[in-house]
PDB file of N, CA and C in Angstrom:
ATOM      1  N   UNK A   1      10.440  13.051-166.142  1.00  0.00           N
ATOM      2  CA  UNK A   1       8.958  12.753-166.435  1.00  0.00           C
ATOM      3  C   UNK A   1       8.547  14.121-166.311  1.00  0.00           C
ATOM      4  N   UNK A   2       7.851  14.076-167.875  1.00  0.00           N
ATOM      5  CA  UNK A   2       7.300  15.021-168.636  1.00  0.00           C
ATOM      6  C   UNK A   2       5.483  15.928-167.219  1.00  0.00           C
ATOM      7  N   UNK A   3       5.696  17.455-167.617  1.00  0.00           N
ATOM      8  CA  UNK A   3       4.761  18.597-167.039  1.00  0.00           C
ATOM      9  C   UNK A   3       3.738  17.977-167.893  1.00  0.00           C
ATOM     10  N   UNK A   4       2.584  18.069-167.883  1.00  0.00           N
ATOM     11  CA  UNK A   4       1.774  18.206-168.927  1.00  0.00           C
ATOM     12  C   UNK A   4       0.543  20.154-168.204  1.00  0.00           C
ATOM     13  N   UNK A   5       0.606  20.605-169.339  1.00  0.00           N
ATOM     14  CA  UNK A   5       0.186  21.930-169.079  1.00  0.00           C
ATOM     15  C   UNK A   5      -1.642  21.805-169.857  1.00  0.00           C
ATOM     16  N   UNK A   6      -2.606  22.014-169.310  1.00  0.00           N
ATOM     17  CA  UNK A   6      -3.740  21.924-169.868  1.00  0.00           C
ATOM     18  C   UNK A   6      -3.922  23.342-171.299  1.00  0.00           C
ATOM     19  N   UNK A   7      -4.588  23.110-172.521  1.00  0.00           N
ATOM     20  CA  UNK A   7      -3.713  23.575-173.227  1.00  0.00           C
ATOM     21  C   UNK A   7      -5.857  24.703-173.319  1.00  0.00           C
ATOM     22  N   UNK A   8      -4.463  25.666-173.817  1.00  0.00           N
ATOM     23  CA  UNK A   8      -5.361  27.122-173.373  1.00  0.00           C
ATOM     24  C   UNK A   8      -6.033  27.753-174.513  1.00  0.00           C
ATOM     25  N   UNK A   9      -7.215  28.513-174.068  1.00  0.00           N
ATOM     26  CA  UNK A   9      -8.132  28.362-175.166  1.00  0.00           C
ATOM     27  C   UNK A   9      -8.822  30.299-174.500  1.00  0.00           C
ATOM     28  N   UNK A  10      -8.728  30.529-176.129  1.00  0.00           N
ATOM     29  CA  UNK A  10      -9.251  31.676-175.910  1.00  0.00           C
ATOM     30  C   UNK A  10     -10.552  31.726-175.269  1.00  0.00           C
ATOM     31  N   UNK A  11     -11.031  33.018-174.285  1.00  0.00           N
ATOM     32  CA  UNK A  11     -12.492  32.919-174.238  1.00  0.00           C
ATOM     33  C   UNK A  11     -12.981  34.031-175.144  1.00  0.00           C
ATOM     34  N   UNK A  12     -12.108  34.711-176.342  1.00  0.00           N
ATOM     35  CA  UNK A  12     -12.655  35.358-177.296  1.00  0.00           C
ATOM     36  C   UNK A  12     -13.144  34.140-178.308  1.00  0.00           C
ATOM     37  N   UNK A  13     -14.262  34.650-178.948  1.00  0.00           N
ATOM     38  CA  UNK A  13     -14.894  33.983-180.105  1.00  0.00           C
ATOM     39  C   UNK A  13     -14.742  35.335-181.126  1.00  0.00           C
ATOM     40  N   UNK A  14     -14.735  35.048-182.857  1.00  0.00           N
ATOM     41  CA  UNK A  14     -14.648  35.706-183.657  1.00  0.00           C
ATOM     42  C   UNK A  14     -15.983  35.138-184.788  1.00  0.00           C
ATOM     43  N   UNK A  15     -16.688  36.129-185.528  1.00  0.00           N
ATOM     44  CA  UNK A  15     -17.850  35.598-186.337  1.00  0.00           C
ATOM     45  C   UNK A  15     -17.468  35.656-187.443  1.00  0.00           C
ATOM     46  N   UNK A  16     -17.408  35.034-188.065  1.00  0.00           N
ATOM     47  CA  UNK A  16     -16.866  35.374-189.668  1.00  0.00           C
ATOM     48  C   UNK A  16     -18.183  35.215-190.921  1.00  0.00           C
ATOM     49  N   UNK A  17     -18.717  35.289-191.481  1.00  0.00           N
ATOM     50  CA  UNK A  17     -19.560  35.669-192.593  1.00  0.00           C
ATOM     51  C   UNK A  17     -18.784  34.747-193.703  1.00  0.00           C
ATOM     52  N   UNK A  18     -19.515  32.826-194.416  1.00  0.00           N
ATOM     53  CA  UNK A  18     -19.071  33.101-195.326  1.00  0.00           C
ATOM     54  C   UNK A  18     -20.325  33.250-196.106  1.00  0.00           C
ATOM     55  N   UNK A  19     -20.624  34.006-197.038  1.00  0.00           N
ATOM     56  CA  UNK A  19     -21.670  34.533-197.506  1.00  0.00           C
ATOM     57  C   UNK A  19     -22.422  35.019-196.675  1.00  0.00           C
ATOM     58  N   UNK A  20     -23.586  34.729-196.582  1.00  0.00           N
ATOM     59  CA  UNK A  20     -24.492  35.739-196.249  1.00  0.00           C
ATOM     60  C   UNK A  20     -24.460  34.103-194.411  1.00  0.00           C
ATOM     61  N   UNK A  21     -23.787  33.030-194.213  1.00  0.00           N
ATOM     62  CA  UNK A  21     -23.532  32.298-193.114  1.00  0.00           C
ATOM     63  C   UNK A  21     -22.774  32.700-192.224  1.00  0.00           C
ATOM     64  N   UNK A  22     -23.335  32.786-190.853  1.00  0.00           N
ATOM     65  CA  UNK A  22     -22.523  32.914-190.124  1.00  0.00           C
ATOM     66  C   UNK A  22     -21.503  31.943-189.168  1.00  0.00           C
ATOM     67  N   UNK A  23     -19.990  32.232-188.770  1.00  0.00           N
ATOM     68  CA  UNK A  23     -19.543  31.269-188.256  1.00  0.00           C
ATOM     69  C   UNK A  23     -18.311  31.403-187.937  1.00  0.00           C
ATOM     70  N   UNK A  24     -19.043  30.449-186.255  1.00  0.00           N
ATOM     71  CA  UNK A  24     -18.408  31.521-184.772  1.00  0.00           C
ATOM     72  C   UNK A  24     -17.039  30.258-184.957  1.00  0.00           C
ATOM     73  N   UNK A  25     -15.976  31.053-184.152  1.00  0.00           N
ATOM     74  CA  UNK A  25     -14.586  30.522-184.927  1.00  0.00           C
ATOM     75  C   UNK A  25     -13.955  31.178-183.270  1.00  0.00           C
ATOM     76  N   UNK A  26     -12.713  30.606-182.604  1.00  0.00           N
ATOM     77  CA  UNK A  26     -11.731  31.283-181.911  1.00  0.00           C
ATOM     78  C   UNK A  26     -10.622  32.033-182.151  1.00  0.00           C
ATOM     79  N   UNK A  27     -10.605  33.056-181.735  1.00  0.00           N
ATOM     80  CA  UNK A  27      -9.852  34.220-181.333  1.00  0.00           C
ATOM     81  C   UNK A  27      -8.313  33.796-182.027  1.00  0.00           C
ATOM     82  N   UNK A  28      -7.794  33.816-183.514  1.00  0.00           N
ATOM     83  CA  UNK A  28      -6.124  33.248-183.543  1.00  0.00           C
ATOM     84  C   UNK A  28      -6.473  32.332-184.177  1.00  0.00           C
ATOM     85  N   UNK A  29      -7.817  31.230-184.667  1.00  0.00           N
ATOM     86  CA  UNK A  29      -7.809  30.882-185.977  1.00  0.00           C
ATOM     87  C   UNK A  29      -7.774  31.390-186.794  1.00  0.00           C
ATOM     88  N   UNK A  30      -7.074  30.696-187.812  1.00  0.00           N
ATOM     89  CA  UNK A  30      -7.002  31.280-189.277  1.00  0.00           C
ATOM     90  C   UNK A  30      -8.363  31.085-189.925  1.00  0.00           C
ATOM     91  N   UNK A  31      -8.775  31.469-191.077  1.00  0.00           N
ATOM     92  CA  UNK A  31     -10.125  31.473-191.608  1.00  0.00           C
ATOM     93  C   UNK A  31     -10.298  30.349-191.972  1.00  0.00           C
ATOM     94  N   UNK A  32      -9.725  29.548-192.290  1.00  0.00           N
ATOM     95  CA  UNK A  32      -9.446  27.682-193.357  1.00  0.00           C
ATOM     96  C   UNK A  32     -10.171  27.242-191.810  1.00  0.00           C
ATOM     97  N   UNK A  33      -9.454  27.572-190.557  1.00  0.00           N
ATOM     98  CA  UNK A  33     -10.111  26.628-189.482  1.00  0.00           C
ATOM     99  C   UNK A  33     -11.121  27.276-189.168  1.00  0.00           C
ATOM    100  N   UNK A  34     -11.246  28.138-188.991  1.00  0.00           N
ATOM    101  CA  UNK A  34     -13.134  28.585-188.813  1.00  0.00           C
ATOM    102  C   UNK A  34     -13.502  27.733-189.465  1.00  0.00           C
ATOM    103  N   UNK A  35     -13.378  27.560-190.562  1.00  0.00           N
ATOM    104  CA  UNK A  35     -14.437  26.872-191.257  1.00  0.00           C
ATOM    105  C   UNK A  35     -14.519  25.586-191.370  1.00  0.00           C
ATOM    106  N   UNK A  36     -13.195  24.876-191.405  1.00  0.00           N
ATOM    107  CA  UNK A  36     -13.004  23.618-191.295  1.00  0.00           C
ATOM    108  C   UNK A  36     -13.762  23.234-189.639  1.00  0.00           C
ATOM    109  N   UNK A  37     -13.439  23.797-188.729  1.00  0.00           N
ATOM    110  CA  UNK A  37     -14.569  23.855-187.256  1.00  0.00           C
ATOM    111  C   UNK A  37     -15.894  24.045-187.327  1.00  0.00           C
ATOM    112  N   UNK A  38     -16.499  24.432-188.504  1.00  0.00           N
ATOM    113  CA  UNK A  38     -17.979  25.007-188.795  1.00  0.00           C
ATOM    114  C   UNK A  38     -17.740  23.381-189.473  1.00  0.00           C
ATOM    115  N   UNK A  39     -17.015  22.506-189.884  1.00  0.00           N
ATOM    116  CA  UNK A  39     -18.029  21.574-190.906  1.00  0.00           C
ATOM    117  C   UNK A  39     -17.712  22.325-192.531  1.00  0.00           C
ATOM    118  N   UNK A  40     -16.886  23.024-192.989  1.00  0.00           N
ATOM    119  CA  UNK A  40     -17.027  23.625-194.230  1.00  0.00           C
ATOM    120  C   UNK A  40     -15.750  23.036-194.547  1.00  0.00           C
ATOM    121  N   UNK A  41     -15.754  21.953-195.276  1.00  0.00           N
ATOM    122  CA  UNK A  41     -14.734  21.648-196.174  1.00  0.00           C
ATOM    123  C   UNK A  41     -14.509  22.457-197.292  1.00  0.00           C
ATOM    124  N   UNK A  42     -15.028  22.251-198.225  1.00  0.00           N
ATOM    125  CA  UNK A  42     -15.180  22.936-199.450  1.00  0.00           C
ATOM    126  C   UNK A  42     -15.797  24.485-199.718  1.00  0.00           C
ATOM    127  N   UNK A  43     -15.044  25.465-200.701  1.00  0.00           N
ATOM    128  CA  UNK A  43     -15.342  26.514-200.539  1.00  0.00           C
ATOM    129  C   UNK A  43     -15.364  27.251-201.913  1.00  0.00           C
ATOM    130  N   UNK A  44     -14.129  25.912-202.928  1.00  0.00           N
ATOM    131  CA  UNK A  44     -14.032  26.879-203.991  1.00  0.00           C
ATOM    132  C   UNK A  44     -13.989  25.819-204.812  1.00  0.00           C
ATOM    133  N   UNK A  45     -13.869  25.687-206.700  1.00  0.00           N
ATOM    134  CA  UNK A  45     -14.065  24.886-207.514  1.00  0.00           C
ATOM    135  C   UNK A  45     -12.277  25.411-208.528  1.00  0.00           C
ATOM    136  N   UNK A  46     -11.807  24.413-209.095  1.00  0.00           N
ATOM    137  CA  UNK A  46     -11.364  24.567-210.274  1.00  0.00           C
ATOM    138  C   UNK A  46     -12.185  25.171-211.754  1.00  0.00           C
ATOM    139  N   UNK A  47     -11.185  25.791-212.311  1.00  0.00           N
ATOM    140  CA  UNK A  47     -11.736  26.700-212.834  1.00  0.00           C
ATOM    141  C   UNK A  47     -12.945  25.977-214.145  1.00  0.00           C
ATOM    142  N   UNK A  48     -11.148  25.032-214.792  1.00  0.00           N
ATOM    143  CA  UNK A  48     -12.155  24.474-215.748  1.00  0.00           C
ATOM    144  C   UNK A  48     -13.081  22.949-215.189  1.00  0.00           C
ATOM    145  N   UNK A  49     -12.423  22.299-214.638  1.00  0.00           N
ATOM    146  CA  UNK A  49     -12.966  20.986-214.354  1.00  0.00           C
ATOM    147  C   UNK A  49     -13.829  21.051-213.744  1.00  0.00           C
ATOM    148  N   UNK A  50     -13.613  22.536-212.232  1.00  0.00           N
ATOM    149  CA  UNK A  50     -14.874  22.290-211.268  1.00  0.00           C
ATOM    150  C   UNK A  50     -14.501  21.145-209.902  1.00  0.00           C
ATOM    151  N   UNK A  51     -13.764  20.984-210.765  1.00  0.00           N
ATOM    152  CA  UNK A  51     -13.287  20.273-208.391  1.00  0.00           C
ATOM    153  C   UNK A  51     -13.335  20.878-208.066  1.00  0.00           C
ATOM    154  N   UNK A  52     -13.921  19.862-206.687  1.00  0.00           N
ATOM    155  CA  UNK A  52     -14.038  20.608-205.382  1.00  0.00           C
ATOM    156  C   UNK A  52     -12.534  20.869-204.559  1.00  0.00           C
ATOM    157  N   UNK A  53     -12.026  22.396-203.775  1.00  0.00           N
ATOM    158  CA  UNK A  53     -11.124  22.223-202.802  1.00  0.00           C
ATOM    159  C   UNK A  53     -11.300  22.942-201.795  1.00  0.00           C
ATOM    160  N   UNK A  54     -10.390  22.948-201.509  1.00  0.00           N
ATOM    161  CA  UNK A  54     -10.469  23.746-199.413  1.00  0.00           C
ATOM    162  C   UNK A  54      -9.120  23.938-199.603  1.00  0.00           C
ATOM    163  N   UNK A  55      -8.732  23.151-198.360  1.00  0.00           N
ATOM    164  CA  UNK A  55      -7.356  23.116-197.572  1.00  0.00           C
ATOM    165  C   UNK A  55      -6.603  21.834-198.552  1.00  0.00           C
ATOM    166  N   UNK A  56      -5.314  21.948-198.644  1.00  0.00           N
ATOM    167  CA  UNK A  56      -4.520  20.581-199.094  1.00  0.00           C
ATOM    168  C   UNK A  56      -3.514  20.902-198.229  1.00  0.00           C
ATOM    169  N   UNK A  57      -2.927  21.734-198.153  1.00  0.00           N
ATOM    170  CA  UNK A  57      -1.365  21.388-197.814  1.00  0.00           C
ATOM    171  C   UNK A  57      -1.523  22.698-196.457  1.00  0.00           C
ATOM    172  N   UNK A  58      -2.423  23.507-196.113  1.00  0.00           N
ATOM    173  CA  UNK A  58      -2.298  24.254-195.089  1.00  0.00           C
ATOM    174  C   UNK A  58      -1.099  24.867-194.337  1.00  0.00           C
ATOM    175  N   UNK A  59      -0.395  25.100-195.410  1.00  0.00           N
ATOM    176  CA  UNK A  59       1.145  25.838-194.667  1.00  0.00           C
ATOM    177  C   UNK A  59       1.183  27.142-196.010  1.00  0.00           C
ATOM    178  N   UNK A  60       0.329  27.365-196.723  1.00  0.00           N
ATOM    179  CA  UNK A  60       0.286  28.520-197.468  1.00  0.00           C
ATOM    180  C   UNK A  60       1.178  28.261-199.102  1.00  0.00           C
ATOM    181  N   UNK A  61       1.652  27.503-199.074  1.00  0.00           N
ATOM    182  CA  UNK A  61       2.232  26.495-200.682  1.00  0.00           C
ATOM    183  C   UNK A  61       1.610  26.440-201.932  1.00  0.00           C
ATOM    184  N   UNK A  62       0.576  25.696-201.315  1.00  0.00           N
ATOM    185  CA  UNK A  62      -0.421  25.400-202.510  1.00  0.00           C
ATOM    186  C   UNK A  62      -1.586  26.530-202.863  1.00  0.00           C
ATOM    187  N   UNK A  63      -2.473  27.005-203.545  1.00  0.00           N
ATOM    188  CA  UNK A  63      -3.300  27.880-203.666  1.00  0.00           C
ATOM    189  C   UNK A  63      -4.331  27.457-204.013  1.00  0.00           C
ATOM    190  N   UNK A  64      -5.141  26.044-202.928  1.00  0.00           N
ATOM    191  CA  UNK A  64      -6.064  25.612-203.340  1.00  0.00           C
ATOM    192  C   UNK A  64      -7.587  25.701-202.104  1.00  0.00           C
ATOM    193  N   UNK A  65      -6.679  27.006-200.798  1.00  0.00           N
ATOM    194  CA  UNK A  65      -7.812  27.562-200.133  1.00  0.00           C
ATOM    195  C   UNK A  65      -8.066  29.004-200.768  1.00  0.00           C
ATOM    196  N   UNK A  66      -7.528  29.505-201.629  1.00  0.00           N
ATOM    197  CA  UNK A  66      -7.924  31.210-201.895  1.00  0.00           C
ATOM    198  C   UNK A  66      -9.722  31.154-201.475  1.00  0.00           C
ATOM    199  N   UNK A  67      -9.348  32.243-201.336  1.00  0.00           N
ATOM    200  CA  UNK A  67     -10.881  32.903-200.573  1.00  0.00           C
ATOM    201  C   UNK A  67     -11.186  34.495-200.680  1.00  0.00           C
ATOM    202  N   UNK A  68     -12.084  35.030-201.657  1.00  0.00           N
ATOM    203  CA  UNK A  68     -11.822  36.875-201.113  1.00  0.00           C
ATOM    204  C   UNK A  68     -12.294  36.823-199.584  1.00  0.00           C
ATOM    205  N   UNK A  69     -11.729  37.768-198.921  1.00  0.00           N
ATOM    206  CA  UNK A  69     -12.099  38.177-197.519  1.00  0.00           C
ATOM    207  C   UNK A  69     -12.428  39.474-197.548  1.00  0.00           C
ATOM    208  N   UNK A  70     -13.376  40.413-197.541  1.00  0.00           N
ATOM    209  CA  UNK A  70     -13.685  41.499-197.372  1.00  0.00           C
ATOM    210  C   UNK A  70     -13.401  42.570-198.658  1.00  0.00           C
ATOM    211  N   UNK A  71     -13.557  41.415-199.862  1.00  0.00           N
ATOM    212  CA  UNK A  71     -14.065  41.668-201.118  1.00  0.00           C
ATOM    213  C   UNK A  71     -11.996  41.953-201.773  1.00  0.00           C
ATOM    214  N   UNK A  72     -11.750  41.416-201.135  1.00  0.00           N
ATOM    215  CA  UNK A  72     -10.048  41.976-201.612  1.00  0.00           C
ATOM    216  C   UNK A  72      -9.933  39.661-201.514  1.00  0.00           C
ATOM    217  N   UNK A  73      -9.273  39.475-203.539  1.00  0.00           N
ATOM    218  CA  UNK A  73      -9.122  38.421-203.654  1.00  0.00           C
ATOM    219  C   UNK A  73      -8.255  37.967-203.669  1.00  0.00           C
ATOM    220  N   UNK A  74      -8.350  36.030-203.535  1.00  0.00           N
ATOM    221  CA  UNK A  74      -6.515  35.456-203.648  1.00  0.00           C
ATOM    222  C   UNK A  74      -6.059  35.594-202.252  1.00  0.00           C
ATOM    223  N   UNK A  75      -6.975  35.442-201.895  1.00  0.00           N
ATOM    224  CA  UNK A  75      -6.386  35.418-200.093  1.00  0.00           C
ATOM    225  C   UNK A  75      -6.534  33.554-199.991  1.00  0.00           C
ATOM    226  N   UNK A  76      -5.398  33.564-198.549  1.00  0.00           N
ATOM    227  CA  UNK A  76      -4.920  32.198-198.727  1.00  0.00           C
ATOM    228  C   UNK A  76      -5.654  31.760-197.244  1.00  0.00           C
ATOM    229  N   UNK A  77      -6.761  31.099-197.207  1.00  0.00           N
ATOM    230  CA  UNK A  77      -7.610  31.081-195.912  1.00  0.00           C
ATOM    231  C   UNK A  77      -6.343  30.459-195.022  1.00  0.00           C
ATOM    232  N   UNK A  78      -5.883  29.353-195.502  1.00  0.00           N
ATOM    233  CA  UNK A  78      -4.502  28.774-194.505  1.00  0.00           C
ATOM    234  C   UNK A  78      -3.556  29.157-193.319  1.00  0.00           C
ATOM    235  N   UNK A  79      -3.622  30.947-194.106  1.00  0.00           N
ATOM    236  CA  UNK A  79      -2.377  31.876-193.549  1.00  0.00           C
ATOM    237  C   UNK A  79      -3.349  32.930-192.837  1.00  0.00           C
ATOM    238  N   UNK A  80      -4.513  33.339-193.528  1.00  0.00           N
ATOM    239  CA  UNK A  80      -5.642  34.696-193.194  1.00  0.00           C
ATOM    240  C   UNK A  80      -6.044  34.626-192.036  1.00  0.00           C
ATOM    241  N   UNK A  81      -5.418  35.015-190.822  1.00  0.00           N
ATOM    242  CA  UNK A  81      -6.179  34.791-189.430  1.00  0.00           C
ATOM    243  C   UNK A  81      -7.368  35.726-189.470  1.00  0.00           C
ATOM    244  N   UNK A  82      -8.522  35.057-188.848  1.00  0.00           N
ATOM    245  CA  UNK A  82     -10.174  36.043-188.846  1.00  0.00           C
ATOM    246  C   UNK A  82     -10.354  36.622-188.302  1.00  0.00           C
ATOM    247  N   UNK A  83     -10.462  37.500-188.761  1.00  0.00           N
ATOM    248  CA  UNK A  83     -11.222  39.184-187.427  1.00  0.00           C
ATOM    249  C   UNK A  83     -12.137  38.857-187.937  1.00  0.00           C
ATOM    250  N   UNK A  84     -13.342  39.273-185.849  1.00  0.00           N
ATOM    251  CA  UNK A  84     -14.362  39.400-186.172  1.00  0.00           C
ATOM    252  C   UNK A  84     -15.424  40.915-187.570  1.00  0.00           C
ATOM    253  N   UNK A  85     -16.369  39.851-187.820  1.00  0.00           N
ATOM    254  CA  UNK A  85     -16.865  40.474-188.845  1.00  0.00           C
ATOM    255  C   UNK A  85     -16.384  40.834-190.074  1.00  0.00           C
ATOM    256  N   UNK A  86     -15.044  39.190-190.646  1.00  0.00           N
ATOM    257  CA  UNK A  86     -14.549  39.184-191.926  1.00  0.00           C
ATOM    258  C   UNK A  86     -16.012  39.084-192.837  1.00  0.00           C
ATOM    259  N   UNK A  87     -15.342  38.792-194.497  1.00  0.00           N
ATOM    260  CA  UNK A  87     -16.929  38.171-194.654  1.00  0.00           C
ATOM    261  C   UNK A  87     -15.957  37.728-195.915  1.00  0.00           C
ATOM    262  N   UNK A  88     -16.572  36.391-195.756  1.00  0.00           N
ATOM    263  CA  UNK A  88     -15.682  35.416-196.788  1.00  0.00           C
ATOM    264  C   UNK A  88     -16.770  35.060-198.010  1.00  0.00           C
ATOM    265  N   UNK A  89     -15.976  34.858-199.020  1.00  0.00           N
ATOM    266  CA  UNK A  89     -16.029  34.909-200.512  1.00  0.00           C
ATOM    267  C   UNK A  89     -15.543  33.286-201.156  1.00  0.00           C
ATOM    268  N   UNK A  90     -16.451  31.929-201.041  1.00  0.00           N
ATOM    269  CA  UNK A  90     -15.372  31.431-202.082  1.00  0.00           C
ATOM    270  C   UNK A  90     -15.757  31.320-203.309  1.00  0.00           C
ATOM    271  N   UNK A  91     -14.670  30.858-204.100  1.00  0.00           N
ATOM    272  CA  UNK A  91     -15.251  30.907-205.297  1.00  0.00           C
ATOM    273  C   UNK A  91     -15.987  29.333-206.363  1.00  0.00           C
ATOM    274  N   UNK A  92     -17.107  30.020-207.161  1.00  0.00           N
ATOM    275  CA  UNK A  92     -17.516  28.762-207.893  1.00  0.00           C
ATOM    276  C   UNK A  92     -18.444  27.726-207.147  1.00  0.00           C
ATOM    277  N   UNK A  93     -18.669  27.994-205.284  1.00  0.00           N
ATOM    278  CA  UNK A  93     -19.549  26.542-204.821  1.00  0.00           C
ATOM    279  C   UNK A  93     -20.902  27.415-204.717  1.00  0.00           C
ATOM    280  N   UNK A  94     -21.237  26.849-205.225  1.00  0.00           N
ATOM    281  CA  UNK A  94     -22.847  26.760-204.885  1.00  0.00           C
ATOM    282  C   UNK A  94     -23.639  26.156-203.523  1.00  0.00           C
ATOM    283  N   UNK A  95     -24.309  26.750-202.539  1.00  0.00           N
ATOM    284  CA  UNK A  95     -23.930  28.003-201.735  1.00  0.00           C
ATOM    285  C   UNK A  95     -23.094  28.175-201.589  1.00  0.00           C
ATOM    286  N   UNK A  96     -22.740  29.288-200.795  1.00  0.00           N
ATOM    287  CA  UNK A  96     -21.543  29.688-199.903  1.00  0.00           C
ATOM    288  C   UNK A  96     -21.990  28.929-198.987  1.00  0.00           C
ATOM    289  N   UNK A  97     -20.785  27.849-198.588  1.00  0.00           N
ATOM    290  CA  UNK A  97     -20.818  27.222-196.776  1.00  0.00           C
ATOM    291  C   UNK A  97     -21.075  25.823-197.167  1.00  0.00           C
ATOM    292  N   UNK A  98     -21.267  25.107-198.453  1.00  0.00           N
ATOM    293  CA  UNK A  98     -21.377  23.904-198.517  1.00  0.00           C
ATOM    294  C   UNK A  98     -20.716  22.718-197.779  1.00  0.00           C
ATOM    295  N   UNK A  99     -21.324  22.558-196.916  1.00  0.00           N
ATOM    296  CA  UNK A  99     -20.078  21.942-195.934  1.00  0.00           C
ATOM    297  C   UNK A  99     -20.260  20.082-195.641  1.00  0.00           C
ATOM    298  N   UNK A 100     -20.498  19.991-197.192  1.00  0.00           N
ATOM    299  CA  UNK A 100     -19.311  19.144-197.499  1.00  0.00           C
ATOM    300  C   UNK A 100     -18.761  18.361-199.073  1.00  0.00           C
ATOM    301  N   UNK A 101     -17.792  18.322-199.317  1.00  0.00           N
ATOM    302  CA  UNK A 101     -16.656  18.166-200.410  1.00  0.00           C
ATOM    303  C   UNK A 101     -17.552  17.131-201.445  1.00  0.00           C
TER     304      UNK A 101
END
């Protein structure tokens, strides 16, 4: 018989800003996790065809989830832990924080 454990949750929240939109997440979540938890599925588009992109692999192998964080470009949102006060910018998706693909 297996013993069940309640899911541990953080009491600490973080707020990141996608452009000017504040998004709240749990401490320890990745930037992609915070974006997805707030309904943001698209935060960049491809250069030539302007096709929507967000998370594809979720493990840092592809480059679909790239964002700019605190002025640093080309950060993989699925790998970067969100920190309170982070400023996240999408690429080519007006307005930032488009909440649907």
